Amino acid sequence: MDQNSTSVEVDHLVKRFGSFAAVDDVSFQARRGEIFGFLGPNGSGKSTTIRILCGLLEPTSGRALVAGIDVAKNPEGVRQQIGYMSQKFSLYDDLRVAENLRFFGGMYSVPSRELPQRIAWALEMAGLKGRETAATGSLPVGWKQRLALGCAVLHRPPIVFLDEPTSGVDPVSRREFWDLIRGMVGEGVTVFVTTHYMDEAEYCDRLVLLDRGRIVAMGTPAELKTARMKGQLLLIECEPLGRALNVLQSAPGVLDAAVFGSSLHAVVTNTTSAIPALRDLLAGREITVKRVEPIPATLEDVFVSLTSAAEKKKAEAA
């Protein structure tokens, strides 16, 4: 990879808390001007990795370079090159919108002669123009998150870290927030984002899927969906669901099965032969089958398949 295009480089990164490895031998590179996503459940190591890259946590071992700066050797230098927005709203509710922006402009050492222009830019970017005097605490959650983003990028950093930025935000505000992210990327900013929303992961240029501190897969959303599924996917609508799941998990030709909402998803070796065989098998166990059909895999299917495979290997090794 061209060194000039590399924003972040992580090599065998480890973070331990006592005997627990929150980040366990993680390696990747992120390019300039891309949305790089960390996808995984709570406790998978997403936020811990982000905090290390932001210079907020010291790694136990391994190396991480952010904008060419070693996070362990010069965390303050890293913080001058990045914007960071945590998963919890971290601004001051008792300040007005413009007052929060002025405060963070000072925190990020924005020159006083440039601050009015930067604040005007942040207000325009976040869609808050005309609300400068509004009390921050009175804003809807979606607007608060846009303000937090405006504060995080007030100093125009080349790299921005967003830790579950849309948690608790309504769907319309989430889409608007992602429009802001894409606008920044269009200007060459590298955006790191952690999420457990599978639909949001589709917006990323590249993803790492994390589970228990380890990378289980990495690539574009399309690559992960086409290359990482070991088999073909079936949607099965039936009842009772729990009994059907138990039957499918031990059925011949079924590689994996899991509950998705009010239906089941089953990974099979061959859909053509599996559909009639599974219909007969479930009916023979007094399970009412409403629908069985092949469907395209989603990132959630890929993630469930990969983590299930890891669990099986771990159980077999034990």
C-alpha atoms as a PDB file:
ATOM      1  CA  MET A   1       0.000   0.000   0.000  1.00  0.00           C
ATOM      2  CA  ASP A   2       1.223   3.506  -0.822  1.00  0.00           C
ATOM      3  CA  GLN A   3       2.515   4.934   2.451  1.00  0.00           C
ATOM      4  CA  ASN A   4       1.036   8.357   1.620  1.00  0.00           C
ATOM      5  CA  SER A   5      -2.452   6.831   1.422  1.00  0.00           C
ATOM      6  CA  THR A   6      -2.227   5.039   4.764  1.00  0.00           C
ATOM      7  CA  SER A   7      -3.968   6.918   7.583  1.00  0.00           C
ATOM      8  CA  VAL A   8      -3.821   4.217  10.252  1.00  0.00           C
ATOM      9  CA  GLU A   9      -1.592   1.162  10.536  1.00  0.00           C
ATOM     10  CA  VAL A  10      -2.144  -1.438  13.279  1.00  0.00           C
ATOM     11  CA  ASP A  11       0.238  -4.356  13.774  1.00  0.00           C
ATOM     12  CA  HIS A  12      -0.470  -7.220  16.223  1.00  0.00           C
ATOM     13  CA  LEU A  13      -2.226  -4.917  18.702  1.00  0.00           C
ATOM     14  CA  VAL A  14      -3.056  -6.371  22.136  1.00  0.00           C
ATOM     15  CA  LYS A  15      -4.777  -4.812  25.135  1.00  0.00           C
ATOM     16  CA  ARG A  16      -5.125  -6.832  28.320  1.00  0.00           C
ATOM     17  CA  PHE A  17      -6.941  -6.007  31.534  1.00  0.00           C
ATOM     18  CA  GLY A  18      -5.420  -8.518  33.930  1.00  0.00           C
ATOM     19  CA  SER A  19      -5.807 -11.914  32.283  1.00  0.00           C
ATOM     20  CA  PHE A  20      -8.605 -10.701  29.967  1.00  0.00           C
ATOM     21  CA  ALA A  21      -7.624  -9.797  26.387  1.00  0.00           C
ATOM     22  CA  ALA A  22     -10.035  -7.071  25.246  1.00  0.00           C
ATOM     23  CA  VAL A  23      -8.049  -6.676  22.010  1.00  0.00           C
ATOM     24  CA  ASP A  24      -6.262  -9.833  20.922  1.00  0.00           C
ATOM     25  CA  ASP A  25      -3.639  -9.644  18.133  1.00  0.00           C
ATOM     26  CA  VAL A  26      -5.441  -7.208  15.814  1.00  0.00           C
ATOM     27  CA  SER A  27      -3.784  -6.024  12.563  1.00  0.00           C
ATOM     28  CA  PHE A  28      -5.128  -3.839   9.710  1.00  0.00           C
ATOM     29  CA  GLN A  29      -4.487  -0.716   7.631  1.00  0.00           C
ATOM     30  CA  ALA A  30      -6.911   2.097   6.827  1.00  0.00           C
ATOM     31  CA  ARG A  31      -6.593   4.339   3.803  1.00  0.00           C
ATOM     32  CA  ARG A  32      -7.050   8.062   3.437  1.00  0.00           C
ATOM     33  CA  GLY A  33     -10.611   9.084   2.569  1.00  0.00           C
ATOM     34  CA  GLU A  34     -12.457   5.869   3.426  1.00  0.00           C
ATOM     35  CA  ILE A  35     -15.084   4.833   5.942  1.00  0.00           C
ATOM     36  CA  PHE A  36     -13.519   2.037   7.958  1.00  0.00           C
ATOM     37  CA  GLY A  37     -15.975   0.166  10.155  1.00  0.00           C
ATOM     38  CA  PHE A  38     -15.662  -1.955  13.272  1.00  0.00           C
ATOM     39  CA  LEU A  39     -18.629  -4.306  13.475  1.00  0.00           C
ATOM     40  CA  GLY A  40     -19.408  -6.590  16.382  1.00  0.00           C
ATOM     41  CA  PRO A  41     -21.526  -7.143  19.477  1.00  0.00           C
ATOM     42  CA  ASN A  42     -21.005  -5.362  22.788  1.00  0.00           C
ATOM     43  CA  GLY A  43     -17.789  -6.566  24.393  1.00  0.00           C
ATOM     44  CA  SER A  44     -16.116  -7.503  21.104  1.00  0.00           C
ATOM     45  CA  GLY A  45     -13.281  -4.963  21.495  1.00  0.00           C
ATOM     46  CA  LYS A  46     -14.531  -2.200  19.177  1.00  0.00           C
ATOM     47  CA  SER A  47     -14.443   0.692  21.629  1.00  0.00           C
ATOM     48  CA  THR A  48     -11.205  -0.470  23.264  1.00  0.00           C
ATOM     49  CA  THR A  49      -9.466  -0.494  19.871  1.00  0.00           C
ATOM     50  CA  ILE A  50     -10.766   2.998  19.085  1.00  0.00           C
ATOM     51  CA  ARG A  51      -9.579   4.355  22.436  1.00  0.00           C
ATOM     52  CA  ILE A  52      -6.094   2.955  21.864  1.00  0.00           C
ATOM     53  CA  LEU A  53      -5.963   4.575  18.417  1.00  0.00           C
ATOM     54  CA  CYS A  54      -7.067   7.885  19.942  1.00  0.00           C
ATOM     55  CA  GLY A  55      -4.242   7.785  22.493  1.00  0.00           C
ATOM     56  CA  LEU A  56      -6.669   7.345  25.393  1.00  0.00           C
ATOM     57  CA  LEU A  57      -5.471   3.830  26.328  1.00  0.00           C
ATOM     58  CA  GLU A  58      -1.949   2.430  26.211  1.00  0.00           C
ATOM     59  CA  PRO A  59      -1.633  -0.873  24.331  1.00  0.00           C
ATOM     60  CA  THR A  60      -0.231  -3.894  26.143  1.00  0.00           C
ATOM     61  CA  SER A  61       1.793  -4.883  23.074  1.00  0.00           C
ATOM     62  CA  GLY A  62       1.917  -4.400  19.332  1.00  0.00           C
ATOM     63  CA  ARG A  63       2.100  -1.136  17.425  1.00  0.00           C
ATOM     64  CA  ALA A  64      -0.386   1.409  16.123  1.00  0.00           C
ATOM     65  CA  LEU A  65       0.440   4.402  13.906  1.00  0.00           C
ATOM     66  CA  VAL A  66      -2.170   7.139  13.429  1.00  0.00           C
ATOM     67  CA  ALA A  67      -1.280   9.808  10.851  1.00  0.00           C
ATOM     68  CA  GLY A  68       2.234   8.337  11.035  1.00  0.00           C
ATOM     69  CA  ILE A  69       2.458   8.885  14.817  1.00  0.00           C
ATOM     70  CA  ASP A  70       3.032   6.020  17.272  1.00  0.00           C
ATOM     71  CA  VAL A  71       0.103   6.101  19.722  1.00  0.00           C
ATOM     72  CA  ALA A  72       2.170   4.583  22.554  1.00  0.00           C
ATOM     73  CA  LYS A  73       5.096   6.984  22.170  1.00  0.00           C
ATOM     74  CA  ASN A  74       3.251  10.222  21.405  1.00  0.00           C
ATOM     75  CA  PRO A  75      -0.454  10.063  22.346  1.00  0.00           C
ATOM     76  CA  GLU A  76      -0.695  13.863  22.568  1.00  0.00           C
ATOM     77  CA  GLY A  77       0.618  14.182  19.013  1.00  0.00           C
ATOM     78  CA  VAL A  78      -2.064  11.728  17.876  1.00  0.00           C
ATOM     79  CA  ARG A  79      -4.818  13.693  19.573  1.00  0.00           C
ATOM     80  CA  GLN A  80      -3.839  16.819  17.607  1.00  0.00           C
ATOM     81  CA  GLN A  81      -4.449  14.946  14.345  1.00  0.00           C
ATOM     82  CA  ILE A  82      -7.829  13.382  15.107  1.00  0.00           C
ATOM     83  CA  GLY A  83     -11.414  14.099  16.004  1.00  0.00           C
ATOM     84  CA  TYR A  84     -13.144  11.801  18.503  1.00  0.00           C
ATOM     85  CA  MET A  85     -16.808  11.382  19.286  1.00  0.00           C
ATOM     86  CA  SER A  86     -17.733   8.925  22.031  1.00  0.00           C
ATOM     87  CA  GLN A  87     -20.837   6.733  22.135  1.00  0.00           C
ATOM     88  CA  LYS A  88     -22.233   8.819  25.005  1.00  0.00           C
ATOM     89  CA  PHE A  89     -23.116  12.452  24.404  1.00  0.00           C
ATOM     90  CA  SER A  90     -20.162  14.306  25.912  1.00  0.00           C
ATOM     91  CA  LEU A  91     -20.977  17.982  25.436  1.00  0.00           C
ATOM     92  CA  TYR A  92     -22.320  20.414  28.029  1.00  0.00           C
ATOM     93  CA  ASP A  93     -26.114  20.533  28.254  1.00  0.00           C
ATOM     94  CA  ASP A  94     -26.149  23.828  30.163  1.00  0.00           C
ATOM     95  CA  LEU A  95     -24.231  25.641  27.397  1.00  0.00           C
ATOM     96  CA  ARG A  96     -25.766  26.994  24.220  1.00  0.00           C
ATOM     97  CA  VAL A  97     -24.877  25.459  20.858  1.00  0.00           C
ATOM     98  CA  ALA A  98     -22.396  28.203  19.919  1.00  0.00           C
ATOM     99  CA  GLU A  99     -20.870  28.136  23.414  1.00  0.00           C
ATOM    100  CA  ASN A 100     -20.111  24.413  23.109  1.00  0.00           C
ATOM    101  CA  LEU A 101     -18.466  25.045  19.745  1.00  0.00           C
ATOM    102  CA  ARG A 102     -16.368  27.905  21.145  1.00  0.00           C
ATOM    103  CA  PHE A 103     -15.320  25.756  24.108  1.00  0.00           C
ATOM    104  CA  PHE A 104     -14.169  22.892  21.898  1.00  0.00           C
ATOM    105  CA  GLY A 105     -12.466  25.323  19.547  1.00  0.00           C
ATOM    106  CA  GLY A 106     -10.323  26.323  22.521  1.00  0.00           C
ATOM    107  CA  MET A 107      -9.752  22.704  23.521  1.00  0.00           C
ATOM    108  CA  TYR A 108      -8.503  21.919  20.013  1.00  0.00           C
ATOM    109  CA  SER A 109      -6.350  25.095  19.894  1.00  0.00           C
ATOM    110  CA  VAL A 110      -8.154  26.579  16.907  1.00  0.00           C
ATOM    111  CA  PRO A 111      -6.568  30.036  16.334  1.00  0.00           C
ATOM    112  CA  SER A 112      -8.904  32.778  17.613  1.00  0.00           C
ATOM    113  CA  ARG A 113      -8.870  34.595  14.260  1.00  0.00           C
ATOM    114  CA  GLU A 114     -10.128  31.415  12.542  1.00  0.00           C
ATOM    115  CA  LEU A 115     -12.669  30.377  15.174  1.00  0.00           C
ATOM    116  CA  PRO A 116     -15.720  32.379  13.916  1.00  0.00           C
ATOM    117  CA  GLN A 117     -15.294  30.916  10.415  1.00  0.00           C
ATOM    118  CA  ARG A 118     -14.833  27.396  11.800  1.00  0.00           C
ATOM    119  CA  ILE A 119     -17.939  27.707  13.996  1.00  0.00           C
ATOM    120  CA  ALA A 120     -19.982  28.937  11.021  1.00  0.00           C
ATOM    121  CA  TRP A 121     -18.673  25.989   8.965  1.00  0.00           C
ATOM    122  CA  ALA A 122     -19.539  23.490  11.751  1.00  0.00           C
ATOM    123  CA  LEU A 123     -23.049  24.913  12.148  1.00  0.00           C
ATOM    124  CA  GLU A 124     -23.646  24.679   8.392  1.00  0.00           C
ATOM    125  CA  MET A 125     -22.163  21.166   8.177  1.00  0.00           C
ATOM    126  CA  ALA A 126     -24.258  19.882  11.088  1.00  0.00           C
ATOM    127  CA  GLY A 127     -27.468  21.550   9.923  1.00  0.00           C
ATOM    128  CA  LEU A 128     -27.671  23.724  13.050  1.00  0.00           C
ATOM    129  CA  LYS A 129     -27.483  27.158  11.452  1.00  0.00           C
ATOM    130  CA  GLY A 130     -30.063  29.393  13.127  1.00  0.00           C
ATOM    131  CA  ARG A 131     -29.920  27.405  16.365  1.00  0.00           C
ATOM    132  CA  GLU A 132     -26.735  28.953  17.749  1.00  0.00           C
ATOM    133  CA  THR A 133     -28.470  30.266  20.873  1.00  0.00           C
ATOM    134  CA  ALA A 134     -30.481  27.104  21.611  1.00  0.00           C
ATOM    135  CA  ALA A 135     -29.699  25.400  24.922  1.00  0.00           C
ATOM    136  CA  THR A 136     -27.833  22.194  24.103  1.00  0.00           C
ATOM    137  CA  GLY A 137     -29.835  20.231  26.668  1.00  0.00           C
ATOM    138  CA  SER A 138     -33.087  21.102  24.870  1.00  0.00           C
ATOM    139  CA  LEU A 139     -32.003  19.629  21.514  1.00  0.00           C
ATOM    140  CA  PRO A 140     -33.408  16.302  20.248  1.00  0.00           C
ATOM    141  CA  VAL A 141     -30.906  13.427  20.417  1.00  0.00           C
ATOM    142  CA  GLY A 142     -30.227  13.477  16.677  1.00  0.00           C
ATOM    143  CA  TRP A 143     -29.349  17.180  16.739  1.00  0.00           C
ATOM    144  CA  LYS A 144     -27.146  16.669  19.781  1.00  0.00           C
ATOM    145  CA  GLN A 145     -25.190  14.029  17.902  1.00  0.00           C
ATOM    146  CA  ARG A 146     -24.757  16.376  14.935  1.00  0.00           C
ATOM    147  CA  LEU A 147     -23.494  19.056  17.309  1.00  0.00           C
ATOM    148  CA  ALA A 148     -21.079  16.573  18.883  1.00  0.00           C
ATOM    149  CA  LEU A 149     -19.762  15.733  15.423  1.00  0.00           C
ATOM    150  CA  GLY A 150     -19.375  19.427  14.619  1.00  0.00           C
ATOM    151  CA  CYS A 151     -17.337  19.908  17.811  1.00  0.00           C
ATOM    152  CA  ALA A 152     -15.189  16.852  17.053  1.00  0.00           C
ATOM    153  CA  VAL A 153     -14.203  18.120  13.593  1.00  0.00           C
ATOM    154  CA  LEU A 154     -14.003  21.848  14.365  1.00  0.00           C
ATOM    155  CA  HIS A 155     -10.196  21.772  13.920  1.00  0.00           C
ATOM    156  CA  ARG A 156     -10.600  19.964  10.541  1.00  0.00           C
ATOM    157  CA  PRO A 157      -8.671  16.792  11.489  1.00  0.00           C
ATOM    158  CA  PRO A 158      -7.616  14.329   8.750  1.00  0.00           C
ATOM    159  CA  ILE A 159      -8.874  11.337  10.780  1.00  0.00           C
ATOM    160  CA  VAL A 160     -12.138  11.089  12.752  1.00  0.00           C
ATOM    161  CA  PHE A 161     -13.114   8.334  15.191  1.00  0.00           C
ATOM    162  CA  LEU A 162     -16.821   7.826  15.886  1.00  0.00           C
ATOM    163  CA  ASP A 163     -17.664   5.342  18.636  1.00  0.00           C
ATOM    164  CA  GLU A 164     -21.250   4.101  18.069  1.00  0.00           C
ATOM    165  CA  PRO A 165     -22.300   7.623  17.106  1.00  0.00           C
ATOM    166  CA  THR A 166     -25.950   6.834  16.302  1.00  0.00           C
ATOM    167  CA  SER A 167     -26.791   4.770  19.382  1.00  0.00           C
ATOM    168  CA  GLY A 168     -30.290   5.771  20.513  1.00  0.00           C
ATOM    169  CA  VAL A 169     -30.894   7.972  17.459  1.00  0.00           C
ATOM    170  CA  ASP A 170     -34.064   7.605  15.368  1.00  0.00           C
ATOM    171  CA  PRO A 171     -33.775   6.150  11.807  1.00  0.00           C
ATOM    172  CA  VAL A 172     -34.234   9.486   9.996  1.00  0.00           C
ATOM    173  CA  SER A 173     -31.529  11.164  12.102  1.00  0.00           C
ATOM    174  CA  ARG A 174     -29.248   8.185  11.538  1.00  0.00           C
ATOM    175  CA  ARG A 175     -29.512   8.615   7.768  1.00  0.00           C
ATOM    176  CA  GLU A 176     -28.837  12.347   8.069  1.00  0.00           C
ATOM    177  CA  PHE A 177     -25.811  11.638  10.260  1.00  0.00           C
ATOM    178  CA  TRP A 178     -24.397   9.234   7.670  1.00  0.00           C
ATOM    179  CA  ASP A 179     -24.888  11.905   4.997  1.00  0.00           C
ATOM    180  CA  LEU A 180     -22.565  14.112   7.070  1.00  0.00           C
ATOM    181  CA  ILE A 181     -20.005  11.312   7.300  1.00  0.00           C
ATOM    182  CA  ARG A 182     -20.040  10.757   3.543  1.00  0.00           C
ATOM    183  CA  GLY A 183     -19.561  14.490   3.021  1.00  0.00           C
ATOM    184  CA  MET A 184     -16.407  14.456   5.160  1.00  0.00           C
ATOM    185  CA  VAL A 185     -15.028  11.397   3.356  1.00  0.00           C
ATOM    186  CA  GLY A 186     -15.587  13.187   0.053  1.00  0.00           C
ATOM    187  CA  GLU A 187     -13.112  15.805   1.286  1.00  0.00           C
ATOM    188  CA  GLY A 188     -10.453  13.165   1.992  1.00  0.00           C
ATOM    189  CA  VAL A 189     -11.091  12.597   5.706  1.00  0.00           C
ATOM    190  CA  THR A 190     -10.639   9.053   7.009  1.00  0.00           C
ATOM    191  CA  VAL A 191     -13.580   8.074   9.215  1.00  0.00           C
ATOM    192  CA  PHE A 192     -13.439   5.189  11.689  1.00  0.00           C
ATOM    193  CA  VAL A 193     -16.819   4.139  12.999  1.00  0.00           C
ATOM    194  CA  THR A 194     -17.904   1.436  15.426  1.00  0.00           C
ATOM    195  CA  THR A 195     -21.436   0.101  15.214  1.00  0.00           C
ATOM    196  CA  HIS A 196     -23.577  -2.879  16.080  1.00  0.00           C
ATOM    197  CA  TYR A 197     -26.207  -1.837  13.495  1.00  0.00           C
ATOM    198  CA  MET A 198     -25.775  -4.202  10.558  1.00  0.00           C
ATOM    199  CA  ASP A 199     -27.499  -1.820   8.118  1.00  0.00           C
ATOM    200  CA  GLU A 200     -25.027   0.933   9.013  1.00  0.00           C
ATOM    201  CA  ALA A 201     -22.129  -1.396   8.269  1.00  0.00           C
ATOM    202  CA  GLU A 202     -23.298  -1.428   4.631  1.00  0.00           C
ATOM    203  CA  TYR A 203     -22.286   2.253   4.392  1.00  0.00           C
ATOM    204  CA  CYS A 204     -18.630   1.444   5.153  1.00  0.00           C
ATOM    205  CA  ASP A 205     -16.005   1.098   2.422  1.00  0.00           C
ATOM    206  CA  ARG A 206     -14.303  -1.659   4.400  1.00  0.00           C
ATOM    207  CA  LEU A 207     -15.103  -3.528   7.593  1.00  0.00           C
ATOM    208  CA  VAL A 208     -13.489  -5.624  10.246  1.00  0.00           C
ATOM    209  CA  LEU A 209     -15.772  -8.047  12.070  1.00  0.00           C
ATOM    210  CA  LEU A 210     -14.677  -8.396  15.679  1.00  0.00           C
ATOM    211  CA  ASP A 211     -15.601 -11.116  18.142  1.00  0.00           C
ATOM    212  CA  ARG A 212     -14.070 -11.468  21.621  1.00  0.00           C
ATOM    213  CA  GLY A 213     -11.247  -9.102  20.730  1.00  0.00           C
ATOM    214  CA  ARG A 214     -10.196 -10.874  17.533  1.00  0.00           C
ATOM    215  CA  ILE A 215     -10.789 -10.117  13.856  1.00  0.00           C
ATOM    216  CA  VAL A 216     -12.910 -12.892  12.354  1.00  0.00           C
ATOM    217  CA  ALA A 217     -13.185 -11.305   8.887  1.00  0.00           C
ATOM    218  CA  MET A 218     -12.160  -8.183   6.979  1.00  0.00           C
ATOM    219  CA  GLY A 219     -13.125  -6.720   3.595  1.00  0.00           C
ATOM    220  CA  THR A 220     -15.766  -4.695   1.790  1.00  0.00           C
ATOM    221  CA  PRO A 221     -19.411  -5.456   2.642  1.00  0.00           C
ATOM    222  CA  ALA A 222     -19.831  -7.114  -0.765  1.00  0.00           C
ATOM    223  CA  GLU A 223     -16.698  -9.247  -0.308  1.00  0.00           C
ATOM    224  CA  LEU A 224     -17.802 -10.405   3.109  1.00  0.00           C
ATOM    225  CA  LYS A 225     -21.266 -11.383   1.902  1.00  0.00           C
ATOM    226  CA  THR A 226     -20.076 -13.258  -1.168  1.00  0.00           C
ATOM    227  CA  ALA A 227     -16.826 -14.821  -0.002  1.00  0.00           C
ATOM    228  CA  ARG A 228     -17.300 -15.541   3.686  1.00  0.00           C
ATOM    229  CA  MET A 229     -20.575 -17.484   3.700  1.00  0.00           C
ATOM    230  CA  LYS A 230     -19.780 -21.186   3.755  1.00  0.00           C
ATOM    231  CA  GLY A 231     -22.816 -22.433   1.852  1.00  0.00           C
ATOM    232  CA  GLN A 232     -26.162 -21.095   0.623  1.00  0.00           C
ATOM    233  CA  LEU A 233     -28.821 -19.394   2.713  1.00  0.00           C
ATOM    234  CA  LEU A 234     -32.455 -20.396   3.245  1.00  0.00           C
ATOM    235  CA  LEU A 235     -35.271 -18.466   4.887  1.00  0.00           C
ATOM    236  CA  ILE A 236     -37.582 -20.805   6.809  1.00  0.00           C
ATOM    237  CA  GLU A 237     -40.887 -19.611   8.251  1.00  0.00           C
ATOM    238  CA  CYS A 238     -42.344 -22.231  10.562  1.00  0.00           C
ATOM    239  CA  GLU A 239     -43.692 -22.911  14.049  1.00  0.00           C
ATOM    240  CA  PRO A 240     -42.913 -23.745  16.754  1.00  0.00           C
ATOM    241  CA  LEU A 241     -39.639 -21.929  16.126  1.00  0.00           C
ATOM    242  CA  GLY A 242     -37.591 -23.323  19.009  1.00  0.00           C
ATOM    243  CA  ARG A 243     -38.233 -26.964  18.150  1.00  0.00           C
ATOM    244  CA  ALA A 244     -37.523 -26.294  14.478  1.00  0.00           C
ATOM    245  CA  LEU A 245     -34.173 -24.708  15.356  1.00  0.00           C
ATOM    246  CA  ASN A 246     -33.145 -27.782  17.367  1.00  0.00           C
ATOM    247  CA  VAL A 247     -34.075 -30.059  14.450  1.00  0.00           C
ATOM    248  CA  LEU A 248     -32.187 -27.969  11.888  1.00  0.00           C
ATOM    249  CA  GLN A 249     -29.007 -27.697  13.923  1.00  0.00           C
ATOM    250  CA  SER A 250     -28.473 -31.456  13.630  1.00  0.00           C
ATOM    251  CA  ALA A 251     -30.006 -31.986  10.169  1.00  0.00           C
ATOM    252  CA  PRO A 252     -27.909 -33.459   7.332  1.00  0.00           C
ATOM    253  CA  GLY A 253     -26.697 -30.825   4.875  1.00  0.00           C
ATOM    254  CA  VAL A 254     -27.309 -27.937   7.299  1.00  0.00           C
ATOM    255  CA  LEU A 255     -24.081 -26.106   8.156  1.00  0.00           C
ATOM    256  CA  ASP A 256     -25.653 -23.611  10.552  1.00  0.00           C
ATOM    257  CA  ALA A 257     -29.058 -22.343  11.687  1.00  0.00           C
ATOM    258  CA  ALA A 258     -30.142 -19.338  13.717  1.00  0.00           C
ATOM    259  CA  VAL A 259     -33.246 -17.357  14.664  1.00  0.00           C
ATOM    260  CA  PHE A 260     -33.790 -14.114  12.715  1.00  0.00           C
ATOM    261  CA  GLY A 261     -36.848 -12.265  13.984  1.00  0.00           C
ATOM    262  CA  SER A 262     -39.882 -14.531  13.592  1.00  0.00           C
ATOM    263  CA  SER A 263     -38.164 -16.914  11.161  1.00  0.00           C
ATOM    264  CA  LEU A 264     -35.047 -19.062  10.802  1.00  0.00           C
ATOM    265  CA  HIS A 265     -32.016 -18.696   8.562  1.00  0.00           C
ATOM    266  CA  ALA A 266     -30.264 -21.932   7.644  1.00  0.00           C
ATOM    267  CA  VAL A 267     -26.935 -22.268   5.824  1.00  0.00           C
ATOM    268  CA  VAL A 268     -27.023 -25.370   3.628  1.00  0.00           C
ATOM    269  CA  THR A 269     -24.654 -27.047   1.190  1.00  0.00           C
ATOM    270  CA  ASN A 270     -27.204 -27.090  -1.651  1.00  0.00           C
ATOM    271  CA  THR A 271     -30.553 -25.266  -1.715  1.00  0.00           C
ATOM    272  CA  THR A 272     -32.054 -27.383  -4.507  1.00  0.00           C
ATOM    273  CA  SER A 273     -31.837 -30.623  -2.552  1.00  0.00           C
ATOM    274  CA  ALA A 274     -32.193 -29.038   0.895  1.00  0.00           C
ATOM    275  CA  ILE A 275     -35.593 -27.360   0.376  1.00  0.00           C
ATOM    276  CA  PRO A 276     -37.702 -30.529  -0.109  1.00  0.00           C
ATOM    277  CA  ALA A 277     -35.598 -32.523   2.384  1.00  0.00           C
ATOM    278  CA  LEU A 278     -36.010 -29.925   5.147  1.00  0.00           C
ATOM    279  CA  ARG A 279     -39.728 -29.524   4.456  1.00  0.00           C
ATOM    280  CA  ASP A 280     -40.183 -33.285   4.910  1.00  0.00           C
ATOM    281  CA  LEU A 281     -37.925 -33.419   7.970  1.00  0.00           C
ATOM    282  CA  LEU A 282     -39.723 -30.582   9.781  1.00  0.00           C
ATOM    283  CA  ALA A 283     -43.197 -31.874   8.859  1.00  0.00           C
ATOM    284  CA  GLY A 284     -42.195 -35.283  10.215  1.00  0.00           C
ATOM    285  CA  ARG A 285     -41.449 -33.634  13.565  1.00  0.00           C
ATOM    286  CA  GLU A 286     -44.925 -32.026  13.643  1.00  0.00           C
ATOM    287  CA  ILE A 287     -43.594 -28.588  12.741  1.00  0.00           C
ATOM    288  CA  THR A 288     -45.806 -26.429  10.515  1.00  0.00           C
ATOM    289  CA  VAL A 289     -43.776 -25.082   7.583  1.00  0.00           C
ATOM    290  CA  LYS A 290     -45.118 -21.926   5.948  1.00  0.00           C
ATOM    291  CA  ARG A 291     -42.273 -20.991   3.628  1.00  0.00           C
ATOM    292  CA  VAL A 292     -38.802 -22.195   2.619  1.00  0.00           C
ATOM    293  CA  GLU A 293     -36.869 -20.211   0.016  1.00  0.00           C
ATOM    294  CA  PRO A 294     -33.298 -19.141  -0.842  1.00  0.00           C
ATOM    295  CA  ILE A 295     -32.327 -15.568   0.075  1.00  0.00           C
ATOM    296  CA  PRO A 296     -29.166 -13.440  -0.330  1.00  0.00           C
ATOM    297  CA  ALA A 297     -26.884 -13.282   2.691  1.00  0.00           C
ATOM    298  CA  THR A 298     -26.728 -10.132   4.833  1.00  0.00           C
ATOM    299  CA  LEU A 299     -23.792  -8.996   6.952  1.00  0.00           C
ATOM    300  CA  GLU A 300     -25.673 -10.262   9.985  1.00  0.00           C
ATOM    301  CA  ASP A 301     -25.845 -13.733   8.405  1.00  0.00           C
ATOM    302  CA  VAL A 302     -22.111 -13.600   7.689  1.00  0.00           C
ATOM    303  CA  PHE A 303     -21.319 -12.507  11.227  1.00  0.00           C
ATOM    304  CA  VAL A 304     -23.503 -15.206  12.816  1.00  0.00           C
ATOM    305  CA  SER A 305     -21.970 -17.835  10.534  1.00  0.00           C
ATOM    306  CA  LEU A 306     -18.399 -16.801  11.312  1.00  0.00           C
ATOM    307  CA  THR A 307     -18.879 -16.525  15.070  1.00  0.00           C
ATOM    308  CA  SER A 308     -20.733 -19.849  15.173  1.00  0.00           C
ATOM    309  CA  ALA A 309     -17.846 -21.492  13.335  1.00  0.00           C
ATOM    310  CA  ALA A 310     -15.380 -19.986  15.808  1.00  0.00           C
ATOM    311  CA  GLU A 311     -17.453 -21.278  18.719  1.00  0.00           C
ATOM    312  CA  LYS A 312     -17.490 -24.786  17.252  1.00  0.00           C
ATOM    313  CA  LYS A 313     -13.719 -24.787  16.788  1.00  0.00           C
ATOM    314  CA  LYS A 314     -13.232 -23.568  20.338  1.00  0.00           C
ATOM    315  CA  ALA A 315     -15.562 -26.275  21.704  1.00  0.00           C
ATOM    316  CA  GLU A 316     -13.815 -28.972  19.658  1.00  0.00           C
ATOM    317  CA  ALA A 317     -10.406 -27.823  20.895  1.00  0.00           C
ATOM    318  CA  ALA A 318     -11.637 -27.862  24.491  1.00  0.00           C
END
